[in-house]
Amino acid sequence: MKRWLTWVKKSDLSPMRNVGRHLDNILTFCRHRITNGVVEGLNSKIMAIKRRACGYRNRELFKTAIYFFCGGLDLYPKQV
């Protein structure tokens, strides 16, 4: 593995250098099969809430809005 990385660093092939730079992340994905896509999606939703409101007066209101829109709560009770 070290010889391969040494060769990649000296290589003139930029795609191979990119692979060499991100090799740890690539191997982690191959081992665990998880990504940070869910977290990125949640962060995107939070940023949309922030933009829509044009800022909040305090952190508590902002946290409440995040819980409201991202909490997955059912606002209407189930009828029995």
PDB file of N, CA and C in Angstrom:
ATOM      1  N   MET A   1       0.829  -1.195   0.000  1.00  0.00           N
ATOM      2  CA  MET A   1       0.000   0.000   0.000  1.00  0.00           C
ATOM      3  C   MET A   1       0.872   1.258   0.000  1.00  0.00           C
ATOM      4  N   LYS A   2       1.942   1.257   0.802  1.00  0.00           N
ATOM      5  CA  LYS A   2       2.796   2.441   0.865  1.00  0.00           C
ATOM      6  C   LYS A   2       3.506   2.693  -0.459  1.00  0.00           C
ATOM      7  N   ARG A   3       3.916   1.612  -1.118  1.00  0.00           N
ATOM      8  CA  ARG A   3       4.576   1.786  -2.410  1.00  0.00           C
ATOM      9  C   ARG A   3       3.615   2.375  -3.431  1.00  0.00           C
ATOM     10  N   TRP A   4       2.374   1.925  -3.391  1.00  0.00           N
ATOM     11  CA  TRP A   4       1.375   2.445  -4.318  1.00  0.00           C
ATOM     12  C   TRP A   4       1.141   3.927  -4.073  1.00  0.00           C
ATOM     13  N   LEU A   5       1.007   4.312  -2.798  1.00  0.00           N
ATOM     14  CA  LEU A   5       0.792   5.725  -2.475  1.00  0.00           C
ATOM     15  C   LEU A   5       1.982   6.579  -2.881  1.00  0.00           C
ATOM     16  N   THR A   6       3.177   6.057  -2.706  1.00  0.00           N
ATOM     17  CA  THR A   6       4.377   6.794  -3.126  1.00  0.00           C
ATOM     18  C   THR A   6       4.364   7.010  -4.631  1.00  0.00           C
ATOM     19  N   TRP A   7       4.004   5.955  -5.375  1.00  0.00           N
ATOM     20  CA  TRP A   7       3.922   6.076  -6.831  1.00  0.00           C
ATOM     21  C   TRP A   7       2.860   7.089  -7.230  1.00  0.00           C
ATOM     22  N   VAL A   8       1.716   7.069  -6.556  1.00  0.00           N
ATOM     23  CA  VAL A   8       0.620   7.978  -6.895  1.00  0.00           C
ATOM     24  C   VAL A   8       1.029   9.423  -6.645  1.00  0.00           C
ATOM     25  N   LYS A   9       1.719   9.676  -5.545  1.00  0.00           N
ATOM     26  CA  LYS A   9       2.136  11.054  -5.228  1.00  0.00           C
ATOM     27  C   LYS A   9       3.110  11.603  -6.260  1.00  0.00           C
ATOM     28  N   LYS A  10       3.945  10.732  -6.825  1.00  0.00           N
ATOM     29  CA  LYS A  10       4.916  11.174  -7.832  1.00  0.00           C
ATOM     30  C   LYS A  10       4.322  11.203  -9.238  1.00  0.00           C
ATOM     31  N   SER A  11       3.158  10.640  -9.393  1.00  0.00           N
ATOM     32  CA  SER A  11       2.530  10.511 -10.700  1.00  0.00           C
ATOM     33  C   SER A  11       2.085  11.872 -11.242  1.00  0.00           C
ATOM     34  N   ASP A  12       2.035  11.966 -12.573  1.00  0.00           N
ATOM     35  CA  ASP A  12       1.526  13.172 -13.222  1.00  0.00           C
ATOM     36  C   ASP A  12       0.028  13.077 -13.487  1.00  0.00           C
ATOM     37  N   LEU A  13      -0.581  11.993 -13.065  1.00  0.00           N
ATOM     38  CA  LEU A  13      -2.007  11.783 -13.306  1.00  0.00           C
ATOM     39  C   LEU A  13      -2.804  12.385 -12.154  1.00  0.00           C
ATOM     40  N   SER A  14      -3.452  13.510 -12.413  1.00  0.00           N
ATOM     41  CA  SER A  14      -4.183  14.190 -11.334  1.00  0.00           C
ATOM     42  C   SER A  14      -5.330  13.355 -10.768  1.00  0.00           C
ATOM     43  N   PRO A  15      -6.088  12.563 -11.568  1.00  0.00           N
ATOM     44  CA  PRO A  15      -7.126  11.733 -10.954  1.00  0.00           C
ATOM     45  C   PRO A  15      -6.556  10.734  -9.950  1.00  0.00           C
ATOM     46  N   MET A  16      -5.389  10.183 -10.244  1.00  0.00           N
ATOM     47  CA  MET A  16      -4.770   9.234  -9.309  1.00  0.00           C
ATOM     48  C   MET A  16      -4.317   9.941  -8.038  1.00  0.00           C
ATOM     49  N   ARG A  17      -3.823  11.163  -8.171  1.00  0.00           N
ATOM     50  CA  ARG A  17      -3.431  11.918  -6.965  1.00  0.00           C
ATOM     51  C   ARG A  17      -4.648  12.195  -6.108  1.00  0.00           C
ATOM     52  N   ASN A  18      -5.804  12.483  -6.726  1.00  0.00           N
ATOM     53  CA  ASN A  18      -7.032  12.699  -5.962  1.00  0.00           C
ATOM     54  C   ASN A  18      -7.436  11.444  -5.208  1.00  0.00           C
ATOM     55  N   VAL A  19      -7.317  10.300  -5.857  1.00  0.00           N
ATOM     56  CA  VAL A  19      -7.623   9.037  -5.186  1.00  0.00           C
ATOM     57  C   VAL A  19      -6.675   8.845  -4.009  1.00  0.00           C
ATOM     58  N   GLY A  20      -5.412   9.135  -4.224  1.00  0.00           N
ATOM     59  CA  GLY A  20      -4.422   8.999  -3.147  1.00  0.00           C
ATOM     60  C   GLY A  20      -4.737   9.893  -1.969  1.00  0.00           C
ATOM     61  N   ARG A  21      -5.198  11.107  -2.238  1.00  0.00           N
ATOM     62  CA  ARG A  21      -5.545  12.036  -1.155  1.00  0.00           C
ATOM     63  C   ARG A  21      -6.756  11.575  -0.365  1.00  0.00           C
ATOM     64  N   HIS A  22      -7.697  10.928  -1.042  1.00  0.00           N
ATOM     65  CA  HIS A  22      -8.953  10.538  -0.398  1.00  0.00           C
ATOM     66  C   HIS A  22      -9.023   9.044  -0.096  1.00  0.00           C
ATOM     67  N   LEU A  23      -7.889   8.378  -0.139  1.00  0.00           N
ATOM     68  CA  LEU A  23      -7.882   6.929   0.015  1.00  0.00           C
ATOM     69  C   LEU A  23      -8.445   6.489   1.361  1.00  0.00           C
ATOM     70  N   ASP A  24      -8.119   7.180   2.438  1.00  0.00           N
ATOM     71  CA  ASP A  24      -8.649   6.807   3.761  1.00  0.00           C
ATOM     72  C   ASP A  24     -10.175   6.844   3.765  1.00  0.00           C
ATOM     73  N   ASN A  25     -10.749   7.890   3.188  1.00  0.00           N
ATOM     74  CA  ASN A  25     -12.211   7.994   3.140  1.00  0.00           C
ATOM     75  C   ASN A  25     -12.828   6.907   2.261  1.00  0.00           C
ATOM     76  N   ILE A  26     -12.178   6.601   1.164  1.00  0.00           N
ATOM     77  CA  ILE A  26     -12.681   5.559   0.262  1.00  0.00           C
ATOM     78  C   ILE A  26     -12.674   4.210   0.968  1.00  0.00           C
ATOM     79  N   LEU A  27     -11.586   3.899   1.664  1.00  0.00           N
ATOM     80  CA  LEU A  27     -11.490   2.626   2.373  1.00  0.00           C
ATOM     81  C   LEU A  27     -12.497   2.548   3.516  1.00  0.00           C
ATOM     82  N   THR A  28     -12.723   3.663   4.199  1.00  0.00           N
ATOM     83  CA  THR A  28     -13.722   3.683   5.268  1.00  0.00           C
ATOM     84  C   THR A  28     -15.101   3.382   4.712  1.00  0.00           C
ATOM     85  N   PHE A  29     -15.444   3.967   3.579  1.00  0.00           N
ATOM     86  CA  PHE A  29     -16.742   3.683   2.965  1.00  0.00           C
ATOM     87  C   PHE A  29     -16.846   2.207   2.581  1.00  0.00           C
ATOM     88  N   CYS A  30     -15.785   1.646   2.022  1.00  0.00           N
ATOM     89  CA  CYS A  30     -15.821   0.234   1.617  1.00  0.00           C
ATOM     90  C   CYS A  30     -15.994  -0.691   2.826  1.00  0.00           C
ATOM     91  N   ARG A  31     -15.430  -0.315   3.949  1.00  0.00           N
ATOM     92  CA  ARG A  31     -15.565  -1.150   5.146  1.00  0.00           C
ATOM     93  C   ARG A  31     -16.939  -1.029   5.780  1.00  0.00           C
ATOM     94  N   HIS A  32     -17.464   0.183   5.905  1.00  0.00           N
ATOM     95  CA  HIS A  32     -18.668   0.417   6.697  1.00  0.00           C
ATOM     96  C   HIS A  32     -19.933   0.669   5.878  1.00  0.00           C
ATOM     97  N   ARG A  33     -19.796   1.042   4.614  1.00  0.00           N
ATOM     98  CA  ARG A  33     -20.927   1.326   3.729  1.00  0.00           C
ATOM     99  C   ARG A  33     -21.860   2.413   4.261  1.00  0.00           C
ATOM    100  N   ILE A  34     -21.289   3.413   4.882  1.00  0.00           N
ATOM    101  CA  ILE A  34     -22.087   4.551   5.329  1.00  0.00           C
ATOM    102  C   ILE A  34     -21.455   5.831   4.810  1.00  0.00           C
ATOM    103  N   THR A  35     -22.278   6.836   4.620  1.00  0.00           N
ATOM    104  CA  THR A  35     -21.792   8.143   4.185  1.00  0.00           C
ATOM    105  C   THR A  35     -22.382   9.201   5.105  1.00  0.00           C
ATOM    106  N   ASN A  36     -22.000  10.423   4.878  1.00  0.00           N
ATOM    107  CA  ASN A  36     -22.553  11.521   5.666  1.00  0.00           C
ATOM    108  C   ASN A  36     -23.690  12.216   4.915  1.00  0.00           C
ATOM    109  N   GLY A  37     -24.294  11.534   3.954  1.00  0.00           N
ATOM    110  CA  GLY A  37     -25.366  12.104   3.144  1.00  0.00           C
ATOM    111  C   GLY A  37     -26.575  12.536   3.963  1.00  0.00           C
ATOM    112  N   VAL A  38     -26.931  11.751   4.981  1.00  0.00           N
ATOM    113  CA  VAL A  38     -28.081  12.095   5.824  1.00  0.00           C
ATOM    114  C   VAL A  38     -27.809  13.390   6.578  1.00  0.00           C
ATOM    115  N   VAL A  39     -26.608  13.511   7.098  1.00  0.00           N
ATOM    116  CA  VAL A  39     -26.243  14.721   7.847  1.00  0.00           C
ATOM    117  C   VAL A  39     -26.225  15.932   6.922  1.00  0.00           C
ATOM    118  N   GLU A  40     -25.695  15.756   5.718  1.00  0.00           N
ATOM    119  CA  GLU A  40     -25.669  16.860   4.753  1.00  0.00           C
ATOM    120  C   GLU A  40     -27.086  17.284   4.369  1.00  0.00           C
ATOM    121  N   GLY A  41     -27.984  16.321   4.211  1.00  0.00           N
ATOM    122  CA  GLY A  41     -29.370  16.647   3.890  1.00  0.00           C
ATOM    123  C   GLY A  41     -30.051  17.410   5.015  1.00  0.00           C
ATOM    124  N   LEU A  42     -29.809  16.989   6.256  1.00  0.00           N
ATOM    125  CA  LEU A  42     -30.372  17.681   7.408  1.00  0.00           C
ATOM    126  C   LEU A  42     -29.812  19.095   7.515  1.00  0.00           C
ATOM    127  N   ASN A  43     -28.513  19.243   7.285  1.00  0.00           N
ATOM    128  CA  ASN A  43     -27.906  20.571   7.327  1.00  0.00           C
ATOM    129  C   ASN A  43     -28.499  21.469   6.244  1.00  0.00           C
ATOM    130  N   SER A  44     -28.752  20.925   5.071  1.00  0.00           N
ATOM    131  CA  SER A  44     -29.364  21.690   3.996  1.00  0.00           C
ATOM    132  C   SER A  44     -30.762  22.170   4.392  1.00  0.00           C
ATOM    133  N   LYS A  45     -31.512  21.291   5.048  1.00  0.00           N
ATOM    134  CA  LYS A  45     -32.854  21.664   5.491  1.00  0.00           C
ATOM    135  C   LYS A  45     -32.797  22.774   6.544  1.00  0.00           C
ATOM    136  N   ILE A  46     -31.840  22.688   7.462  1.00  0.00           N
ATOM    137  CA  ILE A  46     -31.678  23.716   8.501  1.00  0.00           C
ATOM    138  C   ILE A  46     -31.300  25.051   7.872  1.00  0.00           C
ATOM    139  N   MET A  47     -30.412  25.027   6.886  1.00  0.00           N
ATOM    140  CA  MET A  47     -30.017  26.273   6.221  1.00  0.00           C
ATOM    141  C   MET A  47     -31.200  26.881   5.464  1.00  0.00           C
ATOM    142  N   ALA A  48     -32.074  26.047   4.903  1.00  0.00           N
ATOM    143  CA  ALA A  48     -33.268  26.559   4.220  1.00  0.00           C
ATOM    144  C   ALA A  48     -34.205  27.225   5.222  1.00  0.00           C
ATOM    145  N   ILE A  49     -34.341  26.642   6.415  1.00  0.00           N
ATOM    146  CA  ILE A  49     -35.161  27.248   7.471  1.00  0.00           C
ATOM    147  C   ILE A  49     -34.594  28.607   7.847  1.00  0.00           C
ATOM    148  N   LYS A  50     -33.289  28.680   7.967  1.00  0.00           N
ATOM    149  CA  LYS A  50     -32.618  29.931   8.336  1.00  0.00           C
ATOM    150  C   LYS A  50     -32.824  31.002   7.260  1.00  0.00           C
ATOM    151  N   ARG A  51     -32.693  30.621   5.989  1.00  0.00           N
ATOM    152  CA  ARG A  51     -32.890  31.584   4.894  1.00  0.00           C
ATOM    153  C   ARG A  51     -34.337  32.051   4.813  1.00  0.00           C
ATOM    154  N   ARG A  52     -35.262  31.129   4.997  1.00  0.00           N
ATOM    155  CA  ARG A  52     -36.677  31.468   4.895  1.00  0.00           C
ATOM    156  C   ARG A  52     -37.077  32.489   5.957  1.00  0.00           C
ATOM    157  N   ALA A  53     -36.485  32.392   7.138  1.00  0.00           N
ATOM    158  CA  ALA A  53     -36.865  33.276   8.231  1.00  0.00           C
ATOM    159  C   ALA A  53     -36.104  34.593   8.215  1.00  0.00           C
ATOM    160  N   CYS A  54     -35.060  34.690   7.382  1.00  0.00           N
ATOM    161  CA  CYS A  54     -34.207  35.890   7.347  1.00  0.00           C
ATOM    162  C   CYS A  54     -33.630  36.188   8.728  1.00  0.00           C
ATOM    163  N   GLY A  55     -33.268  35.162   9.449  1.00  0.00           N
ATOM    164  CA  GLY A  55     -32.657  35.326  10.770  1.00  0.00           C
ATOM    165  C   GLY A  55     -33.675  35.183  11.882  1.00  0.00           C
ATOM    166  N   TYR A  56     -33.199  34.815  13.037  1.00  0.00           N
ATOM    167  CA  TYR A  56     -34.051  34.674  14.220  1.00  0.00           C
ATOM    168  C   TYR A  56     -33.556  35.612  15.302  1.00  0.00           C
ATOM    169  N   ARG A  57     -34.462  36.022  16.172  1.00  0.00           N
ATOM    170  CA  ARG A  57     -34.087  36.962  17.224  1.00  0.00           C
ATOM    171  C   ARG A  57     -33.246  36.313  18.312  1.00  0.00           C
ATOM    172  N   ASN A  58     -33.512  35.048  18.577  1.00  0.00           N
ATOM    173  CA  ASN A  58     -32.680  34.357  19.547  1.00  0.00           C
ATOM    174  C   ASN A  58     -32.551  32.886  19.172  1.00  0.00           C
ATOM    175  N   ARG A  59     -31.629  32.215  19.831  1.00  0.00           N
ATOM    176  CA  ARG A  59     -31.344  30.824  19.496  1.00  0.00           C
ATOM    177  C   ARG A  59     -32.503  29.889  19.815  1.00  0.00           C
ATOM    178  N   GLU A  60     -33.256  30.187  20.839  1.00  0.00           N
ATOM    179  CA  GLU A  60     -34.365  29.312  21.222  1.00  0.00           C
ATOM    180  C   GLU A  60     -35.432  29.250  20.127  1.00  0.00           C
ATOM    181  N   LEU A  61     -35.733  30.384  19.516  1.00  0.00           N
ATOM    182  CA  LEU A  61     -36.700  30.387  18.414  1.00  0.00           C
ATOM    183  C   LEU A  61     -36.173  29.599  17.219  1.00  0.00           C
ATOM    184  N   PHE A  62     -34.890  29.735  16.952  1.00  0.00           N
ATOM    185  CA  PHE A  62     -34.274  28.996  15.858  1.00  0.00           C
ATOM    186  C   PHE A  62     -34.310  27.492  16.130  1.00  0.00           C
ATOM    187  N   LYS A  63     -33.969  27.089  17.359  1.00  0.00           N
ATOM    188  CA  LYS A  63     -34.026  25.675  17.732  1.00  0.00           C
ATOM    189  C   LYS A  63     -35.444  25.131  17.625  1.00  0.00           C
ATOM    190  N   THR A  64     -36.419  25.922  18.042  1.00  0.00           N
ATOM    191  CA  THR A  64     -37.812  25.493  17.955  1.00  0.00           C
ATOM    192  C   THR A  64     -38.223  25.273  16.504  1.00  0.00           C
ATOM    193  N   ALA A  65     -37.804  26.174  15.630  1.00  0.00           N
ATOM    194  CA  ALA A  65     -38.127  26.028  14.205  1.00  0.00           C
ATOM    195  C   ALA A  65     -37.479  24.762  13.631  1.00  0.00           C
ATOM    196  N   ILE A  66     -36.255  24.475  14.029  1.00  0.00           N
ATOM    197  CA  ILE A  66     -35.570  23.271  13.553  1.00  0.00           C
ATOM    198  C   ILE A  66     -36.311  22.024  14.023  1.00  0.00           C
ATOM    199  N   TYR A  67     -36.656  21.989  15.302  1.00  0.00           N
ATOM    200  CA  TYR A  67     -37.406  20.837  15.819  1.00  0.00           C
ATOM    201  C   TYR A  67     -38.756  20.697  15.111  1.00  0.00           C
ATOM    202  N   PHE A  68     -39.393  21.812  14.841  1.00  0.00           N
ATOM    203  CA  PHE A  68     -40.711  21.786  14.204  1.00  0.00           C
ATOM    204  C   PHE A  68     -40.631  21.217  12.786  1.00  0.00           C
ATOM    205  N   PHE A  69     -39.672  21.716  11.993  1.00  0.00           N
ATOM    206  CA  PHE A  69     -39.597  21.311  10.590  1.00  0.00           C
ATOM    207  C   PHE A  69     -38.825  20.012  10.365  1.00  0.00           C
ATOM    208  N   CYS A  70     -37.884  19.688  11.238  1.00  0.00           N
ATOM    209  CA  CYS A  70     -37.044  18.507  11.027  1.00  0.00           C
ATOM    210  C   CYS A  70     -37.369  17.360  11.974  1.00  0.00           C
ATOM    211  N   GLY A  71     -38.275  17.579  12.902  1.00  0.00           N
ATOM    212  CA  GLY A  71     -38.547  16.567  13.911  1.00  0.00           C
ATOM    213  C   GLY A  71     -39.398  15.416  13.438  1.00  0.00           C
ATOM    214  N   GLY A  72     -40.085  15.565  12.331  1.00  0.00           N
ATOM    215  CA  GLY A  72     -40.923  14.494  11.818  1.00  0.00           C
ATOM    216  C   GLY A  72     -42.152  14.241  12.674  1.00  0.00           C
ATOM    217  N   LEU A  73     -42.628  15.267  13.343  1.00  0.00           N
ATOM    218  CA  LEU A  73     -43.796  15.106  14.201  1.00  0.00           C
ATOM    219  C   LEU A  73     -45.069  15.132  13.382  1.00  0.00           C
ATOM    220  N   ASP A  74     -46.043  14.409  13.830  1.00  0.00           N
ATOM    221  CA  ASP A  74     -47.353  14.426  13.201  1.00  0.00           C
ATOM    222  C   ASP A  74     -48.195  15.438  13.968  1.00  0.00           C
ATOM    223  N   LEU A  75     -48.588  16.508  13.318  1.00  0.00           N
ATOM    224  CA  LEU A  75     -49.287  17.586  14.006  1.00  0.00           C
ATOM    225  C   LEU A  75     -50.759  17.255  14.291  1.00  0.00           C
ATOM    226  N   TYR A  76     -51.285  16.317  13.557  1.00  0.00           N
ATOM    227  CA  TYR A  76     -52.695  15.959  13.749  1.00  0.00           C
ATOM    228  C   TYR A  76     -52.762  14.618  14.482  1.00  0.00           C
ATOM    229  N   PRO A  77     -53.439  14.587  15.617  1.00  0.00           N
ATOM    230  CA  PRO A  77     -53.524  13.331  16.357  1.00  0.00           C
ATOM    231  C   PRO A  77     -54.318  12.291  15.580  1.00  0.00           C
ATOM    232  N   LYS A  78     -53.948  11.044  15.782  1.00  0.00           N
ATOM    233  CA  LYS A  78     -54.656   9.953  15.103  1.00  0.00           C
ATOM    234  C   LYS A  78     -56.020   9.765  15.762  1.00  0.00           C
ATOM    235  N   GLN A  79     -57.013   9.613  14.933  1.00  0.00           N
ATOM    236  CA  GLN A  79     -58.348   9.381  15.459  1.00  0.00           C
ATOM    237  C   GLN A  79     -58.571   7.899  15.644  1.00  0.00           C
ATOM    238  N   VAL A  80     -59.096   7.556  16.778  1.00  0.00           N
ATOM    239  CA  VAL A  80     -59.302   6.150  17.111  1.00  0.00           C
ATOM    240  C   VAL A  80     -60.668   5.692  16.703  1.00  0.00           C
TER     241      VAL A  80
END
